[in-house]
Amino acid sequence: MRIIVVGASGDIGRAVCAALSPRHDLIRVGRTSGDIRVDLTDRASVAAMYAQAGPVDAVISTAGDVHFAPLLEQSEATLGLGLHQKVMGQVSLVLAGLDHVTEGGSFTLTSGILDRDPIRSGVGAAMANGALGGFVTGAAIEMPRGLRINVVSPGLLDASAKRYGAWFPGHVPVSSLRVGLAYVKSVEGAGNGQVICVD
């Protein structure tokens, strides 16, 4: 398959590429690096990415920013960052890609553990993750041409634990290998409308 991987240079993106690259042709996409550059918050940039990539069999997104801060320091604007960047950026990737993914292909988005196992200062991420799960389960029943859509919801990766582990007290890091395999399940499997949790 020809597969777009948005966010390929991040910890999750690298796990995805390691799991899929032996069998598939990957187009690595990022905001500042990769085979193609894209700004997910700009629909014209997303359309240009698809035009440059040409037809693909699957699209994976591991990208999206959220604002971490205590609830009492959050505002509509800071909470909206996650909705704009992480949620609507990935939603835009799907909407703009419906005519570019081959029949029977798939989209795989990325949420995270915080909507089901919250941490302090993580309300923005929890809200965005829950919204992505809702989008995927709702969109799955209306996908055209046999297309599928799923979202992978990983815990804190072992590759990320040194940088972010202090934010996740008591969380056991999950292996990057297991996270990569969750994306293999989404792309190569038959599931549709699934939230694939890796705890």
C-alpha atoms as a PDB file:
ATOM      1  CA  MET A   1       0.000   0.000   0.000  1.00  0.00           C
ATOM      2  CA  ARG A   2       0.911   3.656  -0.391  1.00  0.00           C
ATOM      3  CA  ILE A   3       0.338   5.238   3.017  1.00  0.00           C
ATOM      4  CA  ILE A   4       0.541   8.860   4.152  1.00  0.00           C
ATOM      5  CA  VAL A   5       1.862   9.181   7.710  1.00  0.00           C
ATOM      6  CA  VAL A   6       1.300  12.672   9.115  1.00  0.00           C
ATOM      7  CA  GLY A   7       3.500  13.370  12.127  1.00  0.00           C
ATOM      8  CA  ALA A   8       6.024  10.748  11.025  1.00  0.00           C
ATOM      9  CA  SER A   9       8.937  12.292  12.938  1.00  0.00           C
ATOM     10  CA  GLY A  10       7.282  12.195  16.380  1.00  0.00           C
ATOM     11  CA  ASP A  11       7.480   9.338  18.880  1.00  0.00           C
ATOM     12  CA  ILE A  12       4.195   7.789  17.749  1.00  0.00           C
ATOM     13  CA  GLY A  13       4.950   8.496  14.095  1.00  0.00           C
ATOM     14  CA  ARG A  14       8.293   6.711  14.338  1.00  0.00           C
ATOM     15  CA  ALA A  15       6.586   3.691  15.919  1.00  0.00           C
ATOM     16  CA  VAL A  16       4.061   3.667  13.077  1.00  0.00           C
ATOM     17  CA  CYS A  17       6.760   3.895  10.412  1.00  0.00           C
ATOM     18  CA  ALA A  18       8.796   1.109  12.010  1.00  0.00           C
ATOM     19  CA  ALA A  19       5.772  -1.193  12.044  1.00  0.00           C
ATOM     20  CA  LEU A  20       4.556  -0.476   8.498  1.00  0.00           C
ATOM     21  CA  SER A  21       7.656   0.370   6.422  1.00  0.00           C
ATOM     22  CA  PRO A  22       8.788  -3.243   5.847  1.00  0.00           C
ATOM     23  CA  ARG A  23       5.626  -3.979   3.841  1.00  0.00           C
ATOM     24  CA  HIS A  24       4.362  -0.644   2.540  1.00  0.00           C
ATOM     25  CA  ASP A  25       5.445   2.509   0.707  1.00  0.00           C
ATOM     26  CA  LEU A  26       5.262   5.331   3.255  1.00  0.00           C
ATOM     27  CA  ILE A  27       4.949   9.022   2.466  1.00  0.00           C
ATOM     28  CA  ARG A  28       6.265  10.790   5.555  1.00  0.00           C
ATOM     29  CA  VAL A  29       4.542  14.113   6.202  1.00  0.00           C
ATOM     30  CA  GLY A  30       5.174  16.766   8.843  1.00  0.00           C
ATOM     31  CA  ARG A  31       4.784  20.402   9.686  1.00  0.00           C
ATOM     32  CA  THR A  32       8.531  21.094   9.363  1.00  0.00           C
ATOM     33  CA  SER A  33      10.038  17.866   7.992  1.00  0.00           C
ATOM     34  CA  GLY A  34       9.269  14.887   5.793  1.00  0.00           C
ATOM     35  CA  ASP A  35       8.665  14.047   2.149  1.00  0.00           C
ATOM     36  CA  ILE A  36       5.780  16.557   2.131  1.00  0.00           C
ATOM     37  CA  ARG A  37       5.010  19.450   4.507  1.00  0.00           C
ATOM     38  CA  VAL A  38       1.499  20.200   5.753  1.00  0.00           C
ATOM     39  CA  ASP A  39      -0.306  22.494   8.157  1.00  0.00           C
ATOM     40  CA  LEU A  40      -3.373  20.531   9.284  1.00  0.00           C
ATOM     41  CA  THR A  41      -5.105  23.734  10.404  1.00  0.00           C
ATOM     42  CA  ASP A  42      -5.032  25.084   6.832  1.00  0.00           C
ATOM     43  CA  ARG A  43      -7.434  23.279   4.469  1.00  0.00           C
ATOM     44  CA  ALA A  44      -5.521  24.582   1.420  1.00  0.00           C
ATOM     45  CA  SER A  45      -2.303  23.073   2.799  1.00  0.00           C
ATOM     46  CA  VAL A  46      -4.062  19.734   3.360  1.00  0.00           C
ATOM     47  CA  ALA A  47      -5.441  19.794  -0.205  1.00  0.00           C
ATOM     48  CA  ALA A  48      -1.961  20.578  -1.555  1.00  0.00           C
ATOM     49  CA  MET A  49      -0.542  17.630   0.391  1.00  0.00           C
ATOM     50  CA  TYR A  50      -3.029  15.256  -1.232  1.00  0.00           C
ATOM     51  CA  ALA A  51      -2.364  16.717  -4.677  1.00  0.00           C
ATOM     52  CA  GLN A  52       1.382  16.206  -4.208  1.00  0.00           C
ATOM     53  CA  ALA A  53       1.032  12.683  -2.810  1.00  0.00           C
ATOM     54  CA  GLY A  54      -1.369  11.406  -5.464  1.00  0.00           C
ATOM     55  CA  PRO A  55      -3.693   8.463  -4.815  1.00  0.00           C
ATOM     56  CA  VAL A  56      -3.020   6.581  -1.575  1.00  0.00           C
ATOM     57  CA  ASP A  57      -4.467   3.494   0.084  1.00  0.00           C
ATOM     58  CA  ALA A  58      -4.368   4.747   3.664  1.00  0.00           C
ATOM     59  CA  VAL A  59      -3.855   7.906   5.678  1.00  0.00           C
ATOM     60  CA  ILE A  60      -2.515   7.931   9.238  1.00  0.00           C
ATOM     61  CA  SER A  61      -2.359  10.993  11.449  1.00  0.00           C
ATOM     62  CA  THR A  62      -0.308  11.086  14.647  1.00  0.00           C
ATOM     63  CA  ALA A  63      -0.318  14.893  14.827  1.00  0.00           C
ATOM     64  CA  GLY A  64      -2.115  17.494  16.913  1.00  0.00           C
ATOM     65  CA  ASP A  65      -1.319  19.971  19.672  1.00  0.00           C
ATOM     66  CA  VAL A  66      -3.182  20.545  22.936  1.00  0.00           C
ATOM     67  CA  HIS A  67      -2.607  22.983  25.802  1.00  0.00           C
ATOM     68  CA  PHE A  68      -1.666  21.451  29.159  1.00  0.00           C
ATOM     69  CA  ALA A  69      -2.566  23.614  32.180  1.00  0.00           C
ATOM     70  CA  PRO A  70      -4.604  23.330  35.386  1.00  0.00           C
ATOM     71  CA  LEU A  71      -8.354  23.707  34.880  1.00  0.00           C
ATOM     72  CA  LEU A  72      -8.438  27.048  36.720  1.00  0.00           C
ATOM     73  CA  GLU A  73      -5.856  28.430  34.292  1.00  0.00           C
ATOM     74  CA  GLN A  74      -7.699  27.261  31.186  1.00  0.00           C
ATOM     75  CA  SER A  75      -9.893  29.474  29.032  1.00  0.00           C
ATOM     76  CA  GLU A  76     -12.083  28.935  26.018  1.00  0.00           C
ATOM     77  CA  ALA A  77      -9.101  29.920  23.878  1.00  0.00           C
ATOM     78  CA  THR A  78      -6.618  27.506  25.443  1.00  0.00           C
ATOM     79  CA  LEU A  79      -9.099  24.639  25.438  1.00  0.00           C
ATOM     80  CA  GLY A  80      -9.991  25.565  21.879  1.00  0.00           C
ATOM     81  CA  LEU A  81      -6.380  24.976  20.816  1.00  0.00           C
ATOM     82  CA  GLY A  82      -6.841  21.214  21.152  1.00  0.00           C
ATOM     83  CA  LEU A  83     -10.156  21.339  19.344  1.00  0.00           C
ATOM     84  CA  HIS A  84      -8.663  23.420  16.522  1.00  0.00           C
ATOM     85  CA  GLN A  85      -5.305  21.667  16.204  1.00  0.00           C
ATOM     86  CA  LYS A  86      -5.785  18.065  17.280  1.00  0.00           C
ATOM     87  CA  VAL A  87      -9.460  17.502  16.505  1.00  0.00           C
ATOM     88  CA  MET A  88     -10.325  19.682  13.529  1.00  0.00           C
ATOM     89  CA  GLY A  89      -6.867  19.244  11.998  1.00  0.00           C
ATOM     90  CA  GLN A  90      -7.403  15.487  11.842  1.00  0.00           C
ATOM     91  CA  VAL A  91     -11.046  15.886  10.801  1.00  0.00           C
ATOM     92  CA  SER A  92      -9.907  18.127   7.934  1.00  0.00           C
ATOM     93  CA  LEU A  93      -7.444  15.439   6.887  1.00  0.00           C
ATOM     94  CA  VAL A  94     -10.350  13.001   6.557  1.00  0.00           C
ATOM     95  CA  LEU A  95     -12.793  15.340   4.834  1.00  0.00           C
ATOM     96  CA  ALA A  96     -10.224  16.545   2.300  1.00  0.00           C
ATOM     97  CA  GLY A  97      -9.010  12.992   1.700  1.00  0.00           C
ATOM     98  CA  LEU A  98     -12.275  11.205   0.959  1.00  0.00           C
ATOM     99  CA  ASP A  99     -11.688  11.478  -2.809  1.00  0.00           C
ATOM    100  CA  HIS A 100      -7.946  10.745  -2.621  1.00  0.00           C
ATOM    101  CA  VAL A 101      -7.937   7.422  -0.768  1.00  0.00           C
ATOM    102  CA  THR A 102      -8.528   4.405  -2.986  1.00  0.00           C
ATOM    103  CA  GLU A 103     -11.703   2.344  -2.676  1.00  0.00           C
ATOM    104  CA  GLY A 104     -11.607   0.155   0.440  1.00  0.00           C
ATOM    105  CA  GLY A 105      -8.803   2.234   1.960  1.00  0.00           C
ATOM    106  CA  SER A 106      -8.618   3.660   5.449  1.00  0.00           C
ATOM    107  CA  PHE A 107      -7.992   6.600   7.731  1.00  0.00           C
ATOM    108  CA  THR A 108      -6.383   6.142  11.147  1.00  0.00           C
ATOM    109  CA  LEU A 109      -6.403   9.056  13.575  1.00  0.00           C
ATOM    110  CA  THR A 110      -4.721   9.414  16.962  1.00  0.00           C
ATOM    111  CA  SER A 111      -6.269  10.391  20.297  1.00  0.00           C
ATOM    112  CA  GLY A 112      -4.774   9.233  23.613  1.00  0.00           C
ATOM    113  CA  ILE A 113      -5.401   7.819  27.058  1.00  0.00           C
ATOM    114  CA  LEU A 114      -6.374  10.993  28.914  1.00  0.00           C
ATOM    115  CA  ASP A 115     -10.108  10.904  28.207  1.00  0.00           C
ATOM    116  CA  ARG A 116     -10.334   7.552  30.015  1.00  0.00           C
ATOM    117  CA  ASP A 117      -7.468   7.869  32.518  1.00  0.00           C
ATOM    118  CA  PRO A 118      -7.037  11.607  33.255  1.00  0.00           C
ATOM    119  CA  ILE A 119      -4.095  13.466  34.715  1.00  0.00           C
ATOM    120  CA  ARG A 120      -3.850  16.888  36.330  1.00  0.00           C
ATOM    121  CA  SER A 121      -3.571  19.672  33.741  1.00  0.00           C
ATOM    122  CA  GLY A 122      -4.757  17.304  31.008  1.00  0.00           C
ATOM    123  CA  VAL A 123      -8.348  18.465  30.555  1.00  0.00           C
ATOM    124  CA  GLY A 124      -7.642  19.926  27.110  1.00  0.00           C
ATOM    125  CA  ALA A 125      -6.200  16.640  25.881  1.00  0.00           C
ATOM    126  CA  ALA A 126      -9.024  14.658  27.497  1.00  0.00           C
ATOM    127  CA  MET A 127     -11.626  16.797  25.726  1.00  0.00           C
ATOM    128  CA  ALA A 128      -9.882  16.511  22.336  1.00  0.00           C
ATOM    129  CA  ASN A 129      -9.425  12.751  22.669  1.00  0.00           C
ATOM    130  CA  GLY A 130     -13.087  12.225  23.486  1.00  0.00           C
ATOM    131  CA  ALA A 131     -14.132  14.349  20.507  1.00  0.00           C
ATOM    132  CA  LEU A 132     -11.964  12.294  18.151  1.00  0.00           C
ATOM    133  CA  GLY A 133     -13.515   9.061  19.395  1.00  0.00           C
ATOM    134  CA  GLY A 134     -16.971  10.489  18.788  1.00  0.00           C
ATOM    135  CA  PHE A 135     -16.061  11.672  15.286  1.00  0.00           C
ATOM    136  CA  VAL A 136     -14.675   8.293  14.279  1.00  0.00           C
ATOM    137  CA  THR A 137     -17.615   6.239  15.559  1.00  0.00           C
ATOM    138  CA  GLY A 138     -20.071   8.634  13.927  1.00  0.00           C
ATOM    139  CA  ALA A 139     -18.233   8.973  10.617  1.00  0.00           C
ATOM    140  CA  ALA A 140     -17.675   5.220  10.209  1.00  0.00           C
ATOM    141  CA  ILE A 141     -21.299   4.504   9.327  1.00  0.00           C
ATOM    142  CA  GLU A 142     -21.250   7.076   6.515  1.00  0.00           C
ATOM    143  CA  MET A 143     -17.883   6.469   4.879  1.00  0.00           C
ATOM    144  CA  PRO A 144     -18.190   6.184   1.077  1.00  0.00           C
ATOM    145  CA  ARG A 145     -16.670   3.598  -1.288  1.00  0.00           C
ATOM    146  CA  GLY A 146     -15.934   1.033   1.418  1.00  0.00           C
ATOM    147  CA  LEU A 147     -13.538   3.359   3.222  1.00  0.00           C
ATOM    148  CA  ARG A 148     -12.837   2.679   6.896  1.00  0.00           C
ATOM    149  CA  ILE A 149     -11.909   4.981   9.774  1.00  0.00           C
ATOM    150  CA  ASN A 150     -10.479   4.196  13.216  1.00  0.00           C
ATOM    151  CA  VAL A 151      -8.628   6.033  15.976  1.00  0.00           C
ATOM    152  CA  VAL A 152      -5.701   4.683  17.999  1.00  0.00           C
ATOM    153  CA  SER A 153      -5.692   5.782  21.644  1.00  0.00           C
ATOM    154  CA  PRO A 154      -2.293   5.024  23.177  1.00  0.00           C
ATOM    155  CA  GLY A 155      -1.009   5.509  26.675  1.00  0.00           C
ATOM    156  CA  LEU A 156       2.310   7.190  27.398  1.00  0.00           C
ATOM    157  CA  LEU A 157       4.901   5.620  25.096  1.00  0.00           C
ATOM    158  CA  ASP A 158       8.106   4.203  26.502  1.00  0.00           C
ATOM    159  CA  ALA A 159       9.949   6.437  24.015  1.00  0.00           C
ATOM    160  CA  SER A 160       8.257   9.492  25.552  1.00  0.00           C
ATOM    161  CA  ALA A 161       8.487   8.543  29.224  1.00  0.00           C
ATOM    162  CA  LYS A 162      11.785  10.311  29.929  1.00  0.00           C
ATOM    163  CA  ARG A 163      10.365  13.648  28.706  1.00  0.00           C
ATOM    164  CA  TYR A 164       6.764  13.400  29.894  1.00  0.00           C
ATOM    165  CA  GLY A 165       6.629  10.687  32.558  1.00  0.00           C
ATOM    166  CA  ALA A 166       6.457  13.164  35.461  1.00  0.00           C
ATOM    167  CA  TRP A 167       3.107  14.376  34.095  1.00  0.00           C
ATOM    168  CA  PHE A 168       1.717  10.807  34.246  1.00  0.00           C
ATOM    169  CA  PRO A 169       2.149   9.610  37.858  1.00  0.00           C
ATOM    170  CA  GLY A 170       1.429   5.911  38.207  1.00  0.00           C
ATOM    171  CA  HIS A 171       0.995   5.319  34.483  1.00  0.00           C
ATOM    172  CA  VAL A 172       2.930   2.353  33.131  1.00  0.00           C
ATOM    173  CA  PRO A 173       4.494   3.314  29.782  1.00  0.00           C
ATOM    174  CA  VAL A 174       3.354   1.244  26.808  1.00  0.00           C
ATOM    175  CA  SER A 175       5.807  -0.216  24.345  1.00  0.00           C
ATOM    176  CA  SER A 176       6.320   1.612  21.074  1.00  0.00           C
ATOM    177  CA  LEU A 177       6.147  -1.782  19.357  1.00  0.00           C
ATOM    178  CA  ARG A 178       2.607  -2.366  20.673  1.00  0.00           C
ATOM    179  CA  VAL A 179       1.559   1.113  19.632  1.00  0.00           C
ATOM    180  CA  GLY A 180       2.925   0.574  16.120  1.00  0.00           C
ATOM    181  CA  LEU A 181       1.030  -2.709  15.878  1.00  0.00           C
ATOM    182  CA  ALA A 182      -2.234  -0.937  16.755  1.00  0.00           C
ATOM    183  CA  TYR A 183      -1.831   1.100  13.560  1.00  0.00           C
ATOM    184  CA  VAL A 184      -1.066  -2.095  11.632  1.00  0.00           C
ATOM    185  CA  LYS A 185      -4.357  -3.486  12.975  1.00  0.00           C
ATOM    186  CA  SER A 186      -6.222  -0.401  11.787  1.00  0.00           C
ATOM    187  CA  VAL A 187      -4.625  -0.276   8.325  1.00  0.00           C
ATOM    188  CA  GLU A 188      -4.328  -3.965   7.472  1.00  0.00           C
ATOM    189  CA  GLY A 189      -7.333  -5.234   9.429  1.00  0.00           C
ATOM    190  CA  ALA A 190     -11.070  -4.928   8.773  1.00  0.00           C
ATOM    191  CA  GLY A 191     -12.202  -2.831  11.733  1.00  0.00           C
ATOM    192  CA  ASN A 192     -14.253   0.305  11.220  1.00  0.00           C
ATOM    193  CA  GLY A 193     -15.347   2.922  13.726  1.00  0.00           C
ATOM    194  CA  GLN A 194     -13.094   1.491  16.401  1.00  0.00           C
ATOM    195  CA  VAL A 195     -11.248   3.223  19.214  1.00  0.00           C
ATOM    196  CA  ILE A 196      -8.152   1.015  19.463  1.00  0.00           C
ATOM    197  CA  CYS A 197      -6.784   1.430  22.992  1.00  0.00           C
ATOM    198  CA  VAL A 198      -3.158   0.624  23.842  1.00  0.00           C
ATOM    199  CA  ASP A 199      -2.833   0.713  27.647  1.00  0.00           C
END
